[in-house]
Amino acid sequence: MGNPYDSAKERTSVLGPTLRFKGELHADEELLIQGQIEGSITHSQRVTICAEGTVKANIRAQIIAVEGTVQGDLHADKSVQIKETAVLKGNVLAPSVSITDGAQFNGNINMDVAKRADAHAVQSDQQTQPARAPKAAAPAK
């Protein structure tokens, strides 16, 4: 039987309510923040700021869920979820954003729709254009 924590996707780190951290935080497993963080957070998985968590940092992750207080910009590769207990002051960049009724949010949202549409159009054009034959060489004189 293998170790259940062999894969980063199966691990979760919890930064408890008494933890205070200042600096750059990087990891590959899911992260639950219940304490206070100041600096920057970069994760390759999900980051959840729990209801008792307080973060003053820019956050980058696959999925970001805010239940607590965040002051900083959020950049998610997949989605940002702002729950009813959340207080968020900062900008959000993600292809999918949900804000639950009751959440406090002050900032801008960029869902990057134009960039996704451009990428899809280029990909579609490449798939539908017929292959072109190479130009024939000019006859020798």
C-alpha atoms as a PDB file:
ATOM      1  CA  MET A   1       0.000   0.000   0.000  1.00  0.00           C
ATOM      2  CA  GLY A   2       1.471   3.355  -1.062  1.00  0.00           C
ATOM      3  CA  ASN A   3       1.836   6.494   0.971  1.00  0.00           C
ATOM      4  CA  PRO A   4      -1.350   8.611   0.560  1.00  0.00           C
ATOM      5  CA  TYR A   5       0.821  11.749   0.513  1.00  0.00           C
ATOM      6  CA  ASP A   6       3.022  10.695  -2.418  1.00  0.00           C
ATOM      7  CA  SER A   7       1.188  13.078  -4.760  1.00  0.00           C
ATOM      8  CA  ALA A   8       1.104  16.851  -4.193  1.00  0.00           C
ATOM      9  CA  LYS A   9      -2.551  16.823  -5.291  1.00  0.00           C
ATOM     10  CA  GLU A  10      -3.408  14.631  -2.291  1.00  0.00           C
ATOM     11  CA  ARG A  11      -1.666  16.767   0.337  1.00  0.00           C
ATOM     12  CA  THR A  12      -3.106  19.698   2.247  1.00  0.00           C
ATOM     13  CA  SER A  13      -1.120  22.102   4.387  1.00  0.00           C
ATOM     14  CA  VAL A  14      -2.924  23.980   7.141  1.00  0.00           C
ATOM     15  CA  LEU A  15      -1.516  27.229   8.474  1.00  0.00           C
ATOM     16  CA  GLY A  16      -3.337  27.358  11.810  1.00  0.00           C
ATOM     17  CA  PRO A  17      -5.054  30.304  13.478  1.00  0.00           C
ATOM     18  CA  THR A  18      -2.097  31.141  15.745  1.00  0.00           C
ATOM     19  CA  LEU A  19       0.409  31.197  12.856  1.00  0.00           C
ATOM     20  CA  ARG A  20       1.852  34.512  11.698  1.00  0.00           C
ATOM     21  CA  PHE A  21       3.981  34.425   8.541  1.00  0.00           C
ATOM     22  CA  LYS A  22       5.780  37.214   6.678  1.00  0.00           C
ATOM     23  CA  GLY A  23       7.564  36.548   3.369  1.00  0.00           C
ATOM     24  CA  GLU A  24       7.186  34.498   0.199  1.00  0.00           C
ATOM     25  CA  LEU A  25       5.188  31.307   0.435  1.00  0.00           C
ATOM     26  CA  HIS A  26       5.557  28.657  -2.314  1.00  0.00           C
ATOM     27  CA  ALA A  27       4.174  25.119  -2.404  1.00  0.00           C
ATOM     28  CA  ASP A  28       2.622  22.473  -4.616  1.00  0.00           C
ATOM     29  CA  GLU A  29      -0.019  21.074  -2.271  1.00  0.00           C
ATOM     30  CA  GLU A  30      -3.397  22.491  -1.335  1.00  0.00           C
ATOM     31  CA  LEU A  31      -3.194  25.229   1.300  1.00  0.00           C
ATOM     32  CA  LEU A  32      -5.674  26.251   4.012  1.00  0.00           C
ATOM     33  CA  ILE A  33      -4.868  29.582   5.687  1.00  0.00           C
ATOM     34  CA  GLN A  34      -6.383  30.165   9.109  1.00  0.00           C
ATOM     35  CA  GLY A  35      -3.687  32.497  10.448  1.00  0.00           C
ATOM     36  CA  GLN A  36      -2.115  35.755   9.263  1.00  0.00           C
ATOM     37  CA  ILE A  37       0.054  35.961   6.150  1.00  0.00           C
ATOM     38  CA  GLU A  38       1.879  38.992   4.768  1.00  0.00           C
ATOM     39  CA  GLY A  39       3.973  38.941   1.594  1.00  0.00           C
ATOM     40  CA  SER A  40       3.231  36.806  -1.473  1.00  0.00           C
ATOM     41  CA  ILE A  41       1.707  33.381  -2.053  1.00  0.00           C
ATOM     42  CA  THR A  42       2.412  31.228  -5.112  1.00  0.00           C
ATOM     43  CA  HIS A  43       0.844  27.760  -5.303  1.00  0.00           C
ATOM     44  CA  SER A  44       0.277  25.224  -8.048  1.00  0.00           C
ATOM     45  CA  GLN A  45      -2.914  23.910  -6.409  1.00  0.00           C
ATOM     46  CA  ARG A  46      -5.861  25.358  -4.461  1.00  0.00           C
ATOM     47  CA  VAL A  47      -5.464  28.099  -1.841  1.00  0.00           C
ATOM     48  CA  THR A  48      -8.275  28.687   0.664  1.00  0.00           C
ATOM     49  CA  ILE A  49      -8.275  31.652   3.013  1.00  0.00           C
ATOM     50  CA  CYS A  50     -10.526  30.380   5.791  1.00  0.00           C
ATOM     51  CA  ALA A  51     -13.023  32.632   7.604  1.00  0.00           C
ATOM     52  CA  GLU A  52     -10.535  33.339  10.416  1.00  0.00           C
ATOM     53  CA  GLY A  53      -7.625  33.893   7.997  1.00  0.00           C
ATOM     54  CA  THR A  54      -6.135  37.315   7.218  1.00  0.00           C
ATOM     55  CA  VAL A  55      -3.868  37.809   4.219  1.00  0.00           C
ATOM     56  CA  LYS A  56      -2.011  40.896   2.995  1.00  0.00           C
ATOM     57  CA  ALA A  57      -0.457  39.446  -0.134  1.00  0.00           C
ATOM     58  CA  ASN A  58      -0.794  38.913  -3.839  1.00  0.00           C
ATOM     59  CA  ILE A  59      -1.897  35.321  -4.416  1.00  0.00           C
ATOM     60  CA  ARG A  60      -1.319  33.133  -7.473  1.00  0.00           C
ATOM     61  CA  ALA A  61      -2.758  29.600  -7.656  1.00  0.00           C
ATOM     62  CA  GLN A  62      -4.894  27.265  -9.765  1.00  0.00           C
ATOM     63  CA  ILE A  63      -7.984  27.893  -7.627  1.00  0.00           C
ATOM     64  CA  ILE A  64      -8.406  30.552  -4.936  1.00  0.00           C
ATOM     65  CA  ALA A  65     -11.248  30.479  -2.400  1.00  0.00           C
ATOM     66  CA  VAL A  66     -11.690  33.469  -0.091  1.00  0.00           C
ATOM     67  CA  GLU A  67     -13.723  33.053   3.073  1.00  0.00           C
ATOM     68  CA  GLY A  68     -11.682  35.420   5.260  1.00  0.00           C
ATOM     69  CA  THR A  69      -9.979  38.792   4.758  1.00  0.00           C
ATOM     70  CA  VAL A  70      -7.606  39.464   1.865  1.00  0.00           C
ATOM     71  CA  GLN A  71      -5.851  42.651   0.860  1.00  0.00           C
ATOM     72  CA  GLY A  72      -4.027  42.008  -2.412  1.00  0.00           C
ATOM     73  CA  ASP A  73      -4.482  40.875  -5.989  1.00  0.00           C
ATOM     74  CA  LEU A  74      -5.658  37.364  -6.863  1.00  0.00           C
ATOM     75  CA  HIS A  75      -4.487  35.590 -10.027  1.00  0.00           C
ATOM     76  CA  ALA A  76      -5.984  32.143 -10.594  1.00  0.00           C
ATOM     77  CA  ASP A  77      -5.393  29.867 -13.572  1.00  0.00           C
ATOM     78  CA  LYS A  78      -8.830  28.239 -13.151  1.00  0.00           C
ATOM     79  CA  SER A  79     -11.174  30.085 -10.771  1.00  0.00           C
ATOM     80  CA  VAL A  80     -11.669  32.475  -7.865  1.00  0.00           C
ATOM     81  CA  GLN A  81     -14.492  31.955  -5.375  1.00  0.00           C
ATOM     82  CA  ILE A  82     -15.396  34.817  -3.034  1.00  0.00           C
ATOM     83  CA  LYS A  83     -17.630  33.432  -0.283  1.00  0.00           C
ATOM     84  CA  GLU A  84     -20.267  35.257   1.807  1.00  0.00           C
ATOM     85  CA  THR A  85     -17.886  35.719   4.775  1.00  0.00           C
ATOM     86  CA  ALA A  86     -15.112  37.205   2.597  1.00  0.00           C
ATOM     87  CA  VAL A  87     -13.685  40.709   2.698  1.00  0.00           C
ATOM     88  CA  LEU A  88     -11.531  41.296  -0.389  1.00  0.00           C
ATOM     89  CA  LYS A  89      -9.695  44.494  -1.339  1.00  0.00           C
ATOM     90  CA  GLY A  90      -7.825  43.836  -4.555  1.00  0.00           C
ATOM     91  CA  ASN A  91      -8.101  42.932  -8.190  1.00  0.00           C
ATOM     92  CA  VAL A  92      -9.084  39.505  -9.501  1.00  0.00           C
ATOM     93  CA  LEU A  93      -7.734  37.882 -12.678  1.00  0.00           C
ATOM     94  CA  ALA A  94      -9.222  34.471 -13.514  1.00  0.00           C
ATOM     95  CA  PRO A  95     -11.214  32.801 -16.295  1.00  0.00           C
ATOM     96  CA  SER A  96     -14.016  32.018 -13.814  1.00  0.00           C
ATOM     97  CA  VAL A  97     -15.072  34.216 -10.865  1.00  0.00           C
ATOM     98  CA  SER A  98     -17.946  33.715  -8.421  1.00  0.00           C
ATOM     99  CA  ILE A  99     -19.005  36.135  -5.702  1.00  0.00           C
ATOM    100  CA  THR A 100     -21.521  34.883  -3.168  1.00  0.00           C
ATOM    101  CA  ASP A 101     -24.209  37.252  -1.884  1.00  0.00           C
ATOM    102  CA  GLY A 102     -22.974  38.900   1.320  1.00  0.00           C
ATOM    103  CA  ALA A 103     -19.293  39.023   0.346  1.00  0.00           C
ATOM    104  CA  GLN A 104     -17.515  42.368   0.561  1.00  0.00           C
ATOM    105  CA  PHE A 105     -15.438  43.122  -2.550  1.00  0.00           C
ATOM    106  CA  ASN A 106     -13.626  46.278  -3.598  1.00  0.00           C
ATOM    107  CA  GLY A 107     -11.559  45.977  -6.763  1.00  0.00           C
ATOM    108  CA  ASN A 108     -11.668  45.062 -10.423  1.00  0.00           C
ATOM    109  CA  ILE A 109     -12.323  41.737 -12.121  1.00  0.00           C
ATOM    110  CA  ASN A 110     -10.603  40.688 -15.345  1.00  0.00           C
ATOM    111  CA  MET A 111     -11.883  37.395 -16.663  1.00  0.00           C
ATOM    112  CA  ASP A 112      -9.495  37.586 -19.615  1.00  0.00           C
ATOM    113  CA  VAL A 113     -12.314  36.793 -22.030  1.00  0.00           C
ATOM    114  CA  ALA A 114     -10.669  38.561 -25.003  1.00  0.00           C
ATOM    115  CA  LYS A 115      -7.420  36.643 -24.619  1.00  0.00           C
ATOM    116  CA  ARG A 116      -9.267  33.306 -24.413  1.00  0.00           C
ATOM    117  CA  ALA A 117     -11.387  34.207 -27.461  1.00  0.00           C
ATOM    118  CA  ASP A 118      -8.278  35.206 -29.458  1.00  0.00           C
ATOM    119  CA  ALA A 119      -6.508  31.967 -28.563  1.00  0.00           C
ATOM    120  CA  HIS A 120      -9.583  29.932 -29.531  1.00  0.00           C
ATOM    121  CA  ALA A 121      -9.933  31.809 -32.846  1.00  0.00           C
ATOM    122  CA  VAL A 122      -6.276  31.230 -33.749  1.00  0.00           C
ATOM    123  CA  GLN A 123      -6.589  27.558 -32.865  1.00  0.00           C
ATOM    124  CA  SER A 124      -9.777  27.219 -34.943  1.00  0.00           C
ATOM    125  CA  ASP A 125      -8.162  28.978 -37.940  1.00  0.00           C
ATOM    126  CA  GLN A 126      -5.189  26.624 -37.818  1.00  0.00           C
ATOM    127  CA  GLN A 127      -7.485  23.598 -37.801  1.00  0.00           C
ATOM    128  CA  THR A 128      -9.738  24.778 -40.674  1.00  0.00           C
ATOM    129  CA  GLN A 129      -7.194  26.172 -43.126  1.00  0.00           C
ATOM    130  CA  PRO A 130      -6.098  23.706 -45.819  1.00  0.00           C
ATOM    131  CA  ALA A 131      -2.438  22.842 -46.041  1.00  0.00           C
ATOM    132  CA  ARG A 132      -0.617  24.799 -48.715  1.00  0.00           C
ATOM    133  CA  ALA A 133       1.661  23.176 -51.247  1.00  0.00           C
ATOM    134  CA  PRO A 134       5.201  24.553 -51.415  1.00  0.00           C
ATOM    135  CA  LYS A 135       5.889  27.013 -54.269  1.00  0.00           C
ATOM    136  CA  ALA A 136       7.404  25.444 -57.349  1.00  0.00           C
ATOM    137  CA  ALA A 137      10.898  26.567 -58.274  1.00  0.00           C
ATOM    138  CA  ALA A 138      11.205  28.810 -61.343  1.00  0.00           C
ATOM    139  CA  PRO A 139      12.380  26.958 -64.464  1.00  0.00           C
ATOM    140  CA  ALA A 140      16.103  27.290 -65.224  1.00  0.00           C
ATOM    141  CA  LYS A 141      16.990  29.437 -68.254  1.00  0.00           C
END
